[in-house]
Amino acid sequence: MGPLTLVEAAVKKPVFGCKLCGQCVLHSTGMTCPMTCPKQLRNGPCGGVRPDGHCEVVPEMQCVWAKAYDRSLRLPWKEELNELRPPVDNRLWKTSSWRNLASGRDRQVPAGWRV
């Protein structure tokens, strides 16, 4: 990992549980990292959210998307929660999402994908 990635990890891991996917979407998911979902779902909850809002895979954990929804209600850009996010480019794991954002690399999508 490069120095920028190390700084980003030092800031985002303890605060947001960042998994360093290289394509950060915290701003559009209520400042909740969707990669902390055991299924790594980036566009909303699975069908297994328990009635109490907890995860079907890790029952003691609140569903990442239930948390994202609750948190997004307090943000001025709450409507971004409903935007469709492209799939993760697995080549970007363990790279700086800050650098990828600045270069536009995080917005490259697979052929046939519409943003």
PDB file of N, CA and C in Angstrom:
ATOM      1  N   MET A   1       0.845  -1.187   0.000  1.00  0.00           N
ATOM      2  CA  MET A   1       0.000   0.000   0.000  1.00  0.00           C
ATOM      3  C   MET A   1       0.883   1.240   0.000  1.00  0.00           C
ATOM      4  N   GLY A   2       0.434   2.234  -0.766  1.00  0.00           N
ATOM      5  CA  GLY A   2       1.156   3.492  -0.816  1.00  0.00           C
ATOM      6  C   GLY A   2       0.845   4.374   0.380  1.00  0.00           C
ATOM      7  N   PRO A   3       1.601   5.464   0.519  1.00  0.00           N
ATOM      8  CA  PRO A   3       1.412   6.353   1.667  1.00  0.00           C
ATOM      9  C   PRO A   3       0.005   6.955   1.750  1.00  0.00           C
ATOM     10  N   LEU A   4      -0.565   7.351   0.614  1.00  0.00           N
ATOM     11  CA  LEU A   4      -1.908   7.935   0.633  1.00  0.00           C
ATOM     12  C   LEU A   4      -2.936   6.901   1.108  1.00  0.00           C
ATOM     13  N   THR A   5      -2.793   5.679   0.663  1.00  0.00           N
ATOM     14  CA  THR A   5      -3.700   4.607   1.069  1.00  0.00           C
ATOM     15  C   THR A   5      -3.578   4.346   2.570  1.00  0.00           C
ATOM     16  N   LEU A   6      -2.363   4.396   3.099  1.00  0.00           N
ATOM     17  CA  LEU A   6      -2.152   4.196   4.539  1.00  0.00           C
ATOM     18  C   LEU A   6      -2.815   5.301   5.358  1.00  0.00           C
ATOM     19  N   VAL A   7      -2.714   6.541   4.882  1.00  0.00           N
ATOM     20  CA  VAL A   7      -3.356   7.660   5.575  1.00  0.00           C
ATOM     21  C   VAL A   7      -4.881   7.494   5.509  1.00  0.00           C
ATOM     22  N   GLU A   8      -5.379   7.166   4.344  1.00  0.00           N
ATOM     23  CA  GLU A   8      -6.826   6.966   4.187  1.00  0.00           C
ATOM     24  C   GLU A   8      -7.326   5.857   5.111  1.00  0.00           C
ATOM     25  N   ALA A   9      -6.589   4.773   5.179  1.00  0.00           N
ATOM     26  CA  ALA A   9      -6.972   3.661   6.055  1.00  0.00           C
ATOM     27  C   ALA A   9      -6.955   4.099   7.521  1.00  0.00           C
ATOM     28  N   ALA A  10      -5.963   4.873   7.900  1.00  0.00           N
ATOM     29  CA  ALA A  10      -5.848   5.330   9.286  1.00  0.00           C
ATOM     30  C   ALA A  10      -7.021   6.228   9.675  1.00  0.00           C
ATOM     31  N   VAL A  11      -7.553   6.971   8.709  1.00  0.00           N
ATOM     32  CA  VAL A  11      -8.672   7.873   8.978  1.00  0.00           C
ATOM     33  C   VAL A  11     -10.008   7.129   8.910  1.00  0.00           C
ATOM     34  N   LYS A  12     -10.220   6.351   7.860  1.00  0.00           N
ATOM     35  CA  LYS A  12     -11.535   5.792   7.590  1.00  0.00           C
ATOM     36  C   LYS A  12     -11.833   4.454   8.265  1.00  0.00           C
ATOM     37  N   LYS A  13     -10.822   3.636   8.504  1.00  0.00           N
ATOM     38  CA  LYS A  13     -11.089   2.334   9.135  1.00  0.00           C
ATOM     39  C   LYS A  13     -11.684   2.474  10.530  1.00  0.00           C
ATOM     40  N   PRO A  14     -11.051   3.251  11.430  1.00  0.00           N
ATOM     41  CA  PRO A  14     -11.621   3.319  12.783  1.00  0.00           C
ATOM     42  C   PRO A  14     -12.967   4.049  12.854  1.00  0.00           C
ATOM     43  N   VAL A  15     -13.207   4.984  11.954  1.00  0.00           N
ATOM     44  CA  VAL A  15     -14.438   5.779  12.009  1.00  0.00           C
ATOM     45  C   VAL A  15     -15.592   5.093  11.277  1.00  0.00           C
ATOM     46  N   PHE A  16     -15.314   4.553  10.090  1.00  0.00           N
ATOM     47  CA  PHE A  16     -16.379   4.014   9.236  1.00  0.00           C
ATOM     48  C   PHE A  16     -16.296   2.512   9.000  1.00  0.00           C
ATOM     49  N   GLY A  17     -15.250   1.853   9.511  1.00  0.00           N
ATOM     50  CA  GLY A  17     -15.085   0.425   9.243  1.00  0.00           C
ATOM     51  C   GLY A  17     -14.658   0.165   7.811  1.00  0.00           C
ATOM     52  N   CYS A  18     -14.028   1.141   7.201  1.00  0.00           N
ATOM     53  CA  CYS A  18     -13.622   1.074   5.789  1.00  0.00           C
ATOM     54  C   CYS A  18     -12.864  -0.215   5.482  1.00  0.00           C
ATOM     55  N   LYS A  19     -13.208  -0.830   4.366  1.00  0.00           N
ATOM     56  CA  LYS A  19     -12.565  -2.061   3.913  1.00  0.00           C
ATOM     57  C   LYS A  19     -11.591  -1.809   2.761  1.00  0.00           C
ATOM     58  N   LEU A  20     -11.386  -0.536   2.413  1.00  0.00           N
ATOM     59  CA  LEU A  20     -10.462  -0.142   1.336  1.00  0.00           C
ATOM     60  C   LEU A  20     -10.795  -0.787  -0.002  1.00  0.00           C
ATOM     61  N   CYS A  21     -12.032  -0.602  -0.428  1.00  0.00           N
ATOM     62  CA  CYS A  21     -12.453  -1.156  -1.717  1.00  0.00           C
ATOM     63  C   CYS A  21     -11.924  -0.341  -2.893  1.00  0.00           C
ATOM     64  N   GLY A  22     -11.485   0.880  -2.620  1.00  0.00           N
ATOM     65  CA  GLY A  22     -10.958   1.732  -3.687  1.00  0.00           C
ATOM     66  C   GLY A  22     -12.021   2.537  -4.410  1.00  0.00           C
ATOM     67  N   GLN A  23     -13.283   2.328  -4.069  1.00  0.00           N
ATOM     68  CA  GLN A  23     -14.395   3.045  -4.695  1.00  0.00           C
ATOM     69  C   GLN A  23     -15.379   3.464  -3.617  1.00  0.00           C
ATOM     70  N   CYS A  24     -14.967   4.371  -2.777  1.00  0.00           N
ATOM     71  CA  CYS A  24     -15.729   4.769  -1.607  1.00  0.00           C
ATOM     72  C   CYS A  24     -17.065   5.410  -1.988  1.00  0.00           C
ATOM     73  N   VAL A  25     -18.114   4.948  -1.312  1.00  0.00           N
ATOM     74  CA  VAL A  25     -19.451   5.501  -1.529  1.00  0.00           C
ATOM     75  C   VAL A  25     -20.084   5.949  -0.214  1.00  0.00           C
ATOM     76  N   LEU A  26     -19.249   6.210   0.793  1.00  0.00           N
ATOM     77  CA  LEU A  26     -19.753   6.630   2.101  1.00  0.00           C
ATOM     78  C   LEU A  26     -20.748   7.780   1.996  1.00  0.00           C
ATOM     79  N   HIS A  27     -20.434   8.747   1.133  1.00  0.00           N
ATOM     80  CA  HIS A  27     -21.286   9.934   1.012  1.00  0.00           C
ATOM     81  C   HIS A  27     -22.705   9.592   0.568  1.00  0.00           C
ATOM     82  N   SER A  28     -22.865   8.500  -0.172  1.00  0.00           N
ATOM     83  CA  SER A  28     -24.207   8.171  -0.668  1.00  0.00           C
ATOM     84  C   SER A  28     -24.859   7.025   0.104  1.00  0.00           C
ATOM     85  N   THR A  29     -24.217   6.580   1.169  1.00  0.00           N
ATOM     86  CA  THR A  29     -24.778   5.490   1.964  1.00  0.00           C
ATOM     87  C   THR A  29     -24.859   5.878   3.439  1.00  0.00           C
ATOM     88  N   GLY A  30     -25.209   7.117   3.699  1.00  0.00           N
ATOM     89  CA  GLY A  30     -25.385   7.577   5.068  1.00  0.00           C
ATOM     90  C   GLY A  30     -24.121   7.492   5.900  1.00  0.00           C
ATOM     91  N   MET A  31     -22.979   7.643   5.261  1.00  0.00           N
ATOM     92  CA  MET A  31     -21.672   7.543   5.919  1.00  0.00           C
ATOM     93  C   MET A  31     -21.490   6.169   6.566  1.00  0.00           C
ATOM     94  N   THR A  32     -22.048   5.144   5.919  1.00  0.00           N
ATOM     95  CA  THR A  32     -21.927   3.756   6.349  1.00  0.00           C
ATOM     96  C   THR A  32     -21.261   2.976   5.221  1.00  0.00           C
ATOM     97  N   CYS A  33     -20.205   2.250   5.523  1.00  0.00           N
ATOM     98  CA  CYS A  33     -19.491   1.504   4.481  1.00  0.00           C
ATOM     99  C   CYS A  33     -20.276   0.243   4.117  1.00  0.00           C
ATOM    100  N   PRO A  34     -20.786   0.158   2.886  1.00  0.00           N
ATOM    101  CA  PRO A  34     -21.560  -1.032   2.511  1.00  0.00           C
ATOM    102  C   PRO A  34     -20.700  -2.286   2.412  1.00  0.00           C
ATOM    103  N   MET A  35     -19.386  -2.111   2.337  1.00  0.00           N
ATOM    104  CA  MET A  35     -18.510  -3.274   2.234  1.00  0.00           C
ATOM    105  C   MET A  35     -18.398  -4.012   3.571  1.00  0.00           C
ATOM    106  N   THR A  36     -18.951  -3.422   4.651  1.00  0.00           N
ATOM    107  CA  THR A  36     -18.994  -4.129   5.930  1.00  0.00           C
ATOM    108  C   THR A  36     -20.148  -5.128   5.965  1.00  0.00           C
ATOM    109  N   CYS A  37     -21.018  -5.079   4.976  1.00  0.00           N
ATOM    110  CA  CYS A  37     -22.085  -6.066   4.831  1.00  0.00           C
ATOM    111  C   CYS A  37     -21.415  -7.412   4.530  1.00  0.00           C
ATOM    112  N   PRO A  38     -21.796  -8.481   5.226  1.00  0.00           N
ATOM    113  CA  PRO A  38     -21.193  -9.787   4.945  1.00  0.00           C
ATOM    114  C   PRO A  38     -21.340 -10.213   3.483  1.00  0.00           C
ATOM    115  N   LYS A  39     -22.365  -9.710   2.811  1.00  0.00           N
ATOM    116  CA  LYS A  39     -22.568 -10.039   1.399  1.00  0.00           C
ATOM    117  C   LYS A  39     -21.999  -8.961   0.475  1.00  0.00           C
ATOM    118  N   GLN A  40     -21.453  -7.899   1.059  1.00  0.00           N
ATOM    119  CA  GLN A  40     -20.874  -6.767   0.329  1.00  0.00           C
ATOM    120  C   GLN A  40     -21.846  -6.166  -0.688  1.00  0.00           C
ATOM    121  N   LEU A  41     -23.084  -5.977  -0.259  1.00  0.00           N
ATOM    122  CA  LEU A  41     -24.102  -5.395  -1.126  1.00  0.00           C
ATOM    123  C   LEU A  41     -23.960  -3.878  -1.149  1.00  0.00           C
ATOM    124  N   ARG A  42     -23.886  -3.302  -2.330  1.00  0.00           N
ATOM    125  CA  ARG A  42     -23.664  -1.861  -2.472  1.00  0.00           C
ATOM    126  C   ARG A  42     -24.905  -1.087  -2.864  1.00  0.00           C
ATOM    127  N   ASN A  43     -26.021  -1.761  -3.075  1.00  0.00           N
ATOM    128  CA  ASN A  43     -27.219  -1.070  -3.548  1.00  0.00           C
ATOM    129  C   ASN A  43     -28.465  -1.377  -2.746  1.00  0.00           C
ATOM    130  N   GLY A  44     -28.306  -1.699  -1.504  1.00  0.00           N
ATOM    131  CA  GLY A  44     -29.459  -1.929  -0.654  1.00  0.00           C
ATOM    132  C   GLY A  44     -29.422  -3.286   0.002  1.00  0.00           C
ATOM    133  N   PRO A  45     -30.355  -3.509   0.908  1.00  0.00           N
ATOM    134  CA  PRO A  45     -30.338  -4.737   1.696  1.00  0.00           C
ATOM    135  C   PRO A  45     -30.775  -5.962   0.898  1.00  0.00           C
ATOM    136  N   CYS A  46     -30.361  -7.101   1.409  1.00  0.00           N
ATOM    137  CA  CYS A  46     -30.802  -8.369   0.826  1.00  0.00           C
ATOM    138  C   CYS A  46     -32.208  -8.673   1.356  1.00  0.00           C
ATOM    139  N   GLY A  47     -32.752  -9.776   1.000  1.00  0.00           N
ATOM    140  CA  GLY A  47     -34.085 -10.143   1.469  1.00  0.00           C
ATOM    141  C   GLY A  47     -34.087 -10.773   2.846  1.00  0.00           C
ATOM    142  N   GLY A  48     -32.903 -10.850   3.473  1.00  0.00           N
ATOM    143  CA  GLY A  48     -32.809 -11.547   4.746  1.00  0.00           C
ATOM    144  C   GLY A  48     -32.682 -10.662   5.959  1.00  0.00           C
ATOM    145  N   VAL A  49     -33.036  -9.394   5.830  1.00  0.00           N
ATOM    146  CA  VAL A  49     -32.980  -8.511   6.999  1.00  0.00           C
ATOM    147  C   VAL A  49     -34.031  -8.982   7.991  1.00  0.00           C
ATOM    148  N   ARG A  50     -33.615  -9.185   9.210  1.00  0.00           N
ATOM    149  CA  ARG A  50     -34.529  -9.670  10.256  1.00  0.00           C
ATOM    150  C   ARG A  50     -35.518  -8.571  10.653  1.00  0.00           C
ATOM    151  N   PRO A  51     -36.657  -8.924  11.206  1.00  0.00           N
ATOM    152  CA  PRO A  51     -37.657  -7.919  11.608  1.00  0.00           C
ATOM    153  C   PRO A  51     -37.102  -6.842  12.547  1.00  0.00           C
ATOM    154  N   ASP A  52     -36.074  -7.183  13.329  1.00  0.00           N
ATOM    155  CA  ASP A  52     -35.491  -6.204  14.241  1.00  0.00           C
ATOM    156  C   ASP A  52     -34.403  -5.358  13.578  1.00  0.00           C
ATOM    157  N   GLY A  53     -34.214  -5.530  12.253  1.00  0.00           N
ATOM    158  CA  GLY A  53     -33.233  -4.748  11.519  1.00  0.00           C
ATOM    159  C   GLY A  53     -31.830  -5.321  11.550  1.00  0.00           C
ATOM    160  N   HIS A  54     -31.691  -6.538  12.036  1.00  0.00           N
ATOM    161  CA  HIS A  54     -30.377  -7.153  12.103  1.00  0.00           C
ATOM    162  C   HIS A  54     -30.117  -8.045  10.890  1.00  0.00           C
ATOM    163  N   CYS A  55     -28.854  -8.368  10.713  1.00  0.00           N
ATOM    164  CA  CYS A  55     -28.363  -9.125   9.563  1.00  0.00           C
ATOM    165  C   CYS A  55     -28.710 -10.607   9.681  1.00  0.00           C
ATOM    166  N   GLU A  56     -29.052 -11.250   8.569  1.00  0.00           N
ATOM    167  CA  GLU A  56     -29.348 -12.680   8.600  1.00  0.00           C
ATOM    168  C   GLU A  56     -28.074 -13.507   8.720  1.00  0.00           C
ATOM    169  N   VAL A  57     -26.953 -12.972   8.245  1.00  0.00           N
ATOM    170  CA  VAL A  57     -25.694 -13.707   8.274  1.00  0.00           C
ATOM    171  C   VAL A  57     -25.011 -13.568   9.631  1.00  0.00           C
ATOM    172  N   VAL A  58     -25.002 -12.340  10.159  1.00  0.00           N
ATOM    173  CA  VAL A  58     -24.396 -12.047  11.461  1.00  0.00           C
ATOM    174  C   VAL A  58     -25.504 -11.447  12.333  1.00  0.00           C
ATOM    175  N   PRO A  59     -26.297 -12.295  12.987  1.00  0.00           N
ATOM    176  CA  PRO A  59     -27.495 -11.830  13.706  1.00  0.00           C
ATOM    177  C   PRO A  59     -27.253 -10.756  14.766  1.00  0.00           C
ATOM    178  N   GLU A  60     -26.074 -10.705  15.356  1.00  0.00           N
ATOM    179  CA  GLU A  60     -25.814  -9.689  16.378  1.00  0.00           C
ATOM    180  C   GLU A  60     -25.467  -8.327  15.778  1.00  0.00           C
ATOM    181  N   MET A  61     -25.356  -8.268  14.454  1.00  0.00           N
ATOM    182  CA  MET A  61     -24.992  -7.020  13.766  1.00  0.00           C
ATOM    183  C   MET A  61     -26.229  -6.375  13.143  1.00  0.00           C
ATOM    184  N   GLN A  62     -26.373  -5.056  13.325  1.00  0.00           N
ATOM    185  CA  GLN A  62     -27.462  -4.352  12.651  1.00  0.00           C
ATOM    186  C   GLN A  62     -27.191  -4.390  11.149  1.00  0.00           C
ATOM    187  N   CYS A  63     -28.207  -4.555  10.350  1.00  0.00           N
ATOM    188  CA  CYS A  63     -28.045  -4.544   8.898  1.00  0.00           C
ATOM    189  C   CYS A  63     -27.384  -3.239   8.480  1.00  0.00           C
ATOM    190  N   VAL A  64     -26.357  -3.357   7.668  1.00  0.00           N
ATOM    191  CA  VAL A  64     -25.629  -2.187   7.186  1.00  0.00           C
ATOM    192  C   VAL A  64     -26.582  -1.210   6.507  1.00  0.00           C
ATOM    193  N   TRP A  65     -27.549  -1.740   5.775  1.00  0.00           N
ATOM    194  CA  TRP A  65     -28.461  -0.878   5.026  1.00  0.00           C
ATOM    195  C   TRP A  65     -29.528  -0.249   5.904  1.00  0.00           C
ATOM    196  N   ALA A  66     -29.907  -0.916   6.988  1.00  0.00           N
ATOM    197  CA  ALA A  66     -30.809  -0.289   7.959  1.00  0.00           C
ATOM    198  C   ALA A  66     -30.087   0.882   8.617  1.00  0.00           C
ATOM    199  N   LYS A  67     -28.821   0.671   8.939  1.00  0.00           N
ATOM    200  CA  LYS A  67     -28.011   1.735   9.528  1.00  0.00           C
ATOM    201  C   LYS A  67     -27.812   2.873   8.525  1.00  0.00           C
ATOM    202  N   ALA A  68     -27.538   2.537   7.275  1.00  0.00           N
ATOM    203  CA  ALA A  68     -27.339   3.557   6.238  1.00  0.00           C
ATOM    204  C   ALA A  68     -28.595   4.404   6.060  1.00  0.00           C
ATOM    205  N   TYR A  69     -29.756   3.747   6.074  1.00  0.00           N
ATOM    206  CA  TYR A  69     -31.012   4.483   5.928  1.00  0.00           C
ATOM    207  C   TYR A  69     -31.207   5.452   7.093  1.00  0.00           C
ATOM    208  N   ASP A  70     -31.046   4.949   8.304  1.00  0.00           N
ATOM    209  CA  ASP A  70     -31.220   5.797   9.489  1.00  0.00           C
ATOM    210  C   ASP A  70     -30.275   6.990   9.462  1.00  0.00           C
ATOM    211  N   ARG A  71     -29.029   6.745   9.128  1.00  0.00           N
ATOM    212  CA  ARG A  71     -28.043   7.826   9.102  1.00  0.00           C
ATOM    213  C   ARG A  71     -28.299   8.814   7.972  1.00  0.00           C
ATOM    214  N   SER A  72     -28.737   8.305   6.829  1.00  0.00           N
ATOM    215  CA  SER A  72     -28.931   9.199   5.673  1.00  0.00           C
ATOM    216  C   SER A  72     -30.045  10.214   5.919  1.00  0.00           C
ATOM    217  N   LEU A  73     -31.002   9.875   6.763  1.00  0.00           N
ATOM    218  CA  LEU A  73     -32.096  10.801   7.050  1.00  0.00           C
ATOM    219  C   LEU A  73     -31.606  12.113   7.657  1.00  0.00           C
ATOM    220  N   ARG A  74     -30.430  12.074   8.291  1.00  0.00           N
ATOM    221  CA  ARG A  74     -29.874  13.269   8.930  1.00  0.00           C
ATOM    222  C   ARG A  74     -28.943  14.060   8.014  1.00  0.00           C
ATOM    223  N   LEU A  75     -28.768  13.604   6.785  1.00  0.00           N
ATOM    224  CA  LEU A  75     -27.843  14.262   5.865  1.00  0.00           C
ATOM    225  C   LEU A  75     -28.589  15.105   4.832  1.00  0.00           C
ATOM    226  N   PRO A  76     -28.019  16.242   4.439  1.00  0.00           N
ATOM    227  CA  PRO A  76     -28.700  17.091   3.453  1.00  0.00           C
ATOM    228  C   PRO A  76     -28.783  16.450   2.068  1.00  0.00           C
ATOM    229  N   TRP A  77     -27.990  15.438   1.810  1.00  0.00           N
ATOM    230  CA  TRP A  77     -27.997  14.779   0.501  1.00  0.00           C
ATOM    231  C   TRP A  77     -28.596  13.363   0.612  1.00  0.00           C
ATOM    232  N   LYS A  78     -29.594  13.220   1.474  1.00  0.00           N
ATOM    233  CA  LYS A  78     -30.179  11.901   1.760  1.00  0.00           C
ATOM    234  C   LYS A  78     -30.714  11.175   0.524  1.00  0.00           C
ATOM    235  N   GLU A  79     -31.090  11.916  -0.504  1.00  0.00           N
ATOM    236  CA  GLU A  79     -31.633  11.275  -1.708  1.00  0.00           C
ATOM    237  C   GLU A  79     -30.592  10.427  -2.440  1.00  0.00           C
ATOM    238  N   GLU A  80     -29.306  10.644  -2.163  1.00  0.00           N
ATOM    239  CA  GLU A  80     -28.258   9.846  -2.818  1.00  0.00           C
ATOM    240  C   GLU A  80     -28.317   8.378  -2.421  1.00  0.00           C
ATOM    241  N   LEU A  81     -28.957   8.069  -1.300  1.00  0.00           N
ATOM    242  CA  LEU A  81     -29.079   6.676  -0.880  1.00  0.00           C
ATOM    243  C   LEU A  81     -29.797   5.854  -1.949  1.00  0.00           C
ATOM    244  N   ASN A  82     -30.701   6.482  -2.702  1.00  0.00           N
ATOM    245  CA  ASN A  82     -31.484   5.777  -3.711  1.00  0.00           C
ATOM    246  C   ASN A  82     -30.791   5.644  -5.063  1.00  0.00           C
ATOM    247  N   GLU A  83     -29.605   6.231  -5.210  1.00  0.00           N
ATOM    248  CA  GLU A  83     -28.895   6.146  -6.490  1.00  0.00           C
ATOM    249  C   GLU A  83     -28.272   4.764  -6.668  1.00  0.00           C
ATOM    250  N   LEU A  84     -28.233   4.323  -7.898  1.00  0.00           N
ATOM    251  CA  LEU A  84     -27.645   3.030  -8.222  1.00  0.00           C
ATOM    252  C   LEU A  84     -26.128   3.172  -8.297  1.00  0.00           C
ATOM    253  N   ARG A  85     -25.434   2.363  -7.516  1.00  0.00           N
ATOM    254  CA  ARG A  85     -23.976   2.391  -7.503  1.00  0.00           C
ATOM    255  C   ARG A  85     -23.458   1.252  -8.362  1.00  0.00           C
ATOM    256  N   PRO A  86     -22.423   1.505  -9.177  1.00  0.00           N
ATOM    257  CA  PRO A  86     -21.871   0.433 -10.012  1.00  0.00           C
ATOM    258  C   PRO A  86     -21.186  -0.627  -9.157  1.00  0.00           C
ATOM    259  N   PRO A  87     -21.010  -1.819  -9.725  1.00  0.00           N
ATOM    260  CA  PRO A  87     -20.323  -2.871  -8.966  1.00  0.00           C
ATOM    261  C   PRO A  87     -18.878  -2.465  -8.678  1.00  0.00           C
ATOM    262  N   VAL A  88     -18.317  -3.068  -7.654  1.00  0.00           N
ATOM    263  CA  VAL A  88     -16.934  -2.792  -7.287  1.00  0.00           C
ATOM    264  C   VAL A  88     -16.001  -3.349  -8.352  1.00  0.00           C
ATOM    265  N   ASP A  89     -15.015  -2.537  -8.704  1.00  0.00           N
ATOM    266  CA  ASP A  89     -13.946  -3.001  -9.588  1.00  0.00           C
ATOM    267  C   ASP A  89     -12.917  -3.658  -8.673  1.00  0.00           C
ATOM    268  N   ASN A  90     -12.851  -4.970  -8.689  1.00  0.00           N
ATOM    269  CA  ASN A  90     -11.993  -5.700  -7.762  1.00  0.00           C
ATOM    270  C   ASN A  90     -10.506  -5.395  -7.946  1.00  0.00           C
ATOM    271  N   ARG A  91     -10.144  -4.794  -9.055  1.00  0.00           N
ATOM    272  CA  ARG A  91      -8.742  -4.396  -9.253  1.00  0.00           C
ATOM    273  C   ARG A  91      -8.357  -3.222  -8.366  1.00  0.00           C
ATOM    274  N   LEU A  92      -9.346  -2.512  -7.795  1.00  0.00           N
ATOM    275  CA  LEU A  92      -9.064  -1.328  -6.996  1.00  0.00           C
ATOM    276  C   LEU A  92      -8.934  -1.601  -5.494  1.00  0.00           C
ATOM    277  N   TRP A  93      -9.174  -2.840  -5.064  1.00  0.00           N
ATOM    278  CA  TRP A  93      -9.053  -3.162  -3.636  1.00  0.00           C
ATOM    279  C   TRP A  93      -7.675  -2.785  -3.132  1.00  0.00           C
ATOM    280  N   LYS A  94      -7.633  -2.252  -1.919  1.00  0.00           N
ATOM    281  CA  LYS A  94      -6.405  -1.840  -1.227  1.00  0.00           C
ATOM    282  C   LYS A  94      -5.689  -0.697  -1.933  1.00  0.00           C
ATOM    283  N   THR A  95      -6.467   0.100  -2.691  1.00  0.00           N
ATOM    284  CA  THR A  95      -5.919   1.316  -3.291  1.00  0.00           C
ATOM    285  C   THR A  95      -6.675   2.500  -2.688  1.00  0.00           C
ATOM    286  N   SER A  96      -6.137   3.679  -2.870  1.00  0.00           N
ATOM    287  CA  SER A  96      -6.753   4.874  -2.291  1.00  0.00           C
ATOM    288  C   SER A  96      -7.973   5.308  -3.099  1.00  0.00           C
ATOM    289  N   SER A  97      -9.123   5.358  -2.440  1.00  0.00           N
ATOM    290  CA  SER A  97     -10.325   5.846  -3.126  1.00  0.00           C
ATOM    291  C   SER A  97     -10.193   7.339  -3.404  1.00  0.00           C
ATOM    292  N   TRP A  98      -9.408   8.051  -2.578  1.00  0.00           N
ATOM    293  CA  TRP A  98      -9.176   9.479  -2.814  1.00  0.00           C
ATOM    294  C   TRP A  98      -8.446   9.670  -4.135  1.00  0.00           C
ATOM    295  N   ARG A  99      -7.405   8.893  -4.367  1.00  0.00           N
ATOM    296  CA  ARG A  99      -6.652   8.977  -5.627  1.00  0.00           C
ATOM    297  C   ARG A  99      -7.530   8.528  -6.797  1.00  0.00           C
ATOM    298  N   ASN A 100      -8.292   7.460  -6.591  1.00  0.00           N
ATOM    299  CA  ASN A 100      -9.156   6.951  -7.649  1.00  0.00           C
ATOM    300  C   ASN A 100     -10.254   7.945  -8.006  1.00  0.00           C
ATOM    301  N   LEU A 101     -10.756   8.684  -7.017  1.00  0.00           N
ATOM    302  CA  LEU A 101     -11.745   9.729  -7.267  1.00  0.00           C
ATOM    303  C   LEU A 101     -11.121  10.864  -8.080  1.00  0.00           C
ATOM    304  N   ALA A 102      -9.947  11.307  -7.678  1.00  0.00           N
ATOM    305  CA  ALA A 102      -9.281  12.412  -8.367  1.00  0.00           C
ATOM    306  C   ALA A 102      -8.934  12.060  -9.816  1.00  0.00           C
ATOM    307  N   SER A 103      -8.583  10.819 -10.057  1.00  0.00           N
ATOM    308  CA  SER A 103      -8.187  10.400 -11.407  1.00  0.00           C
ATOM    309  C   SER A 103      -9.376   9.966 -12.258  1.00  0.00           C
ATOM    310  N   GLY A 104     -10.545   9.743 -11.632  1.00  0.00           N
ATOM    311  CA  GLY A 104     -11.716   9.259 -12.364  1.00  0.00           C
ATOM    312  C   GLY A 104     -11.747   7.750 -12.489  1.00  0.00           C
ATOM    313  N   ARG A 105     -10.741   7.094 -11.967  1.00  0.00           N
ATOM    314  CA  ARG A 105     -10.659   5.637 -12.070  1.00  0.00           C
ATOM    315  C   ARG A 105     -11.817   4.943 -11.361  1.00  0.00           C
ATOM    316  N   ASP A 106     -12.342   5.559 -10.299  1.00  0.00           N
ATOM    317  CA  ASP A 106     -13.438   4.941  -9.548  1.00  0.00           C
ATOM    318  C   ASP A 106     -14.779   5.021 -10.276  1.00  0.00           C
ATOM    319  N   ARG A 107     -14.839   5.789 -11.353  1.00  0.00           N
ATOM    320  CA  ARG A 107     -16.093   5.922 -12.104  1.00  0.00           C
ATOM    321  C   ARG A 107     -16.103   5.095 -13.390  1.00  0.00           C
ATOM    322  N   GLN A 108     -15.057   4.358 -13.635  1.00  0.00           N
ATOM    323  CA  GLN A 108     -15.032   3.479 -14.795  1.00  0.00           C
ATOM    324  C   GLN A 108     -15.910   2.270 -14.491  1.00  0.00           C
ATOM    325  N   VAL A 109     -16.766   1.919 -15.418  1.00  0.00           N
ATOM    326  CA  VAL A 109     -17.704   0.824 -15.180  1.00  0.00           C
ATOM    327  C   VAL A 109     -17.541  -0.236 -16.263  1.00  0.00           C
ATOM    328  N   PRO A 110     -18.006  -1.457 -15.983  1.00  0.00           N
ATOM    329  CA  PRO A 110     -17.903  -2.530 -16.967  1.00  0.00           C
ATOM    330  C   PRO A 110     -18.667  -2.184 -18.255  1.00  0.00           C
ATOM    331  N   ALA A 111     -18.218  -2.767 -19.353  1.00  0.00           N
ATOM    332  CA  ALA A 111     -18.892  -2.571 -20.636  1.00  0.00           C
ATOM    333  C   ALA A 111     -20.360  -2.967 -20.512  1.00  0.00           C
ATOM    334  N   GLY A 112     -21.228  -2.130 -21.050  1.00  0.00           N
ATOM    335  CA  GLY A 112     -22.659  -2.387 -21.009  1.00  0.00           C
ATOM    336  C   GLY A 112     -23.361  -1.842 -19.782  1.00  0.00           C
ATOM    337  N   TRP A 113     -22.599  -1.362 -18.802  1.00  0.00           N
ATOM    338  CA  TRP A 113     -23.196  -0.797 -17.594  1.00  0.00           C
ATOM    339  C   TRP A 113     -23.560   0.652 -17.845  1.00  0.00           C
ATOM    340  N   ARG A 114     -24.752   1.034 -17.447  1.00  0.00           N
ATOM    341  CA  ARG A 114     -25.170   2.427 -17.587  1.00  0.00           C
ATOM    342  C   ARG A 114     -25.174   3.083 -16.221  1.00  0.00           C
ATOM    343  N   VAL A 115     -24.625   4.265 -16.145  1.00  0.00           N
ATOM    344  CA  VAL A 115     -24.597   4.996 -14.871  1.00  0.00           C
ATOM    345  C   VAL A 115     -25.782   5.907 -14.803  1.00  0.00           C
TER     346      VAL A 115
END
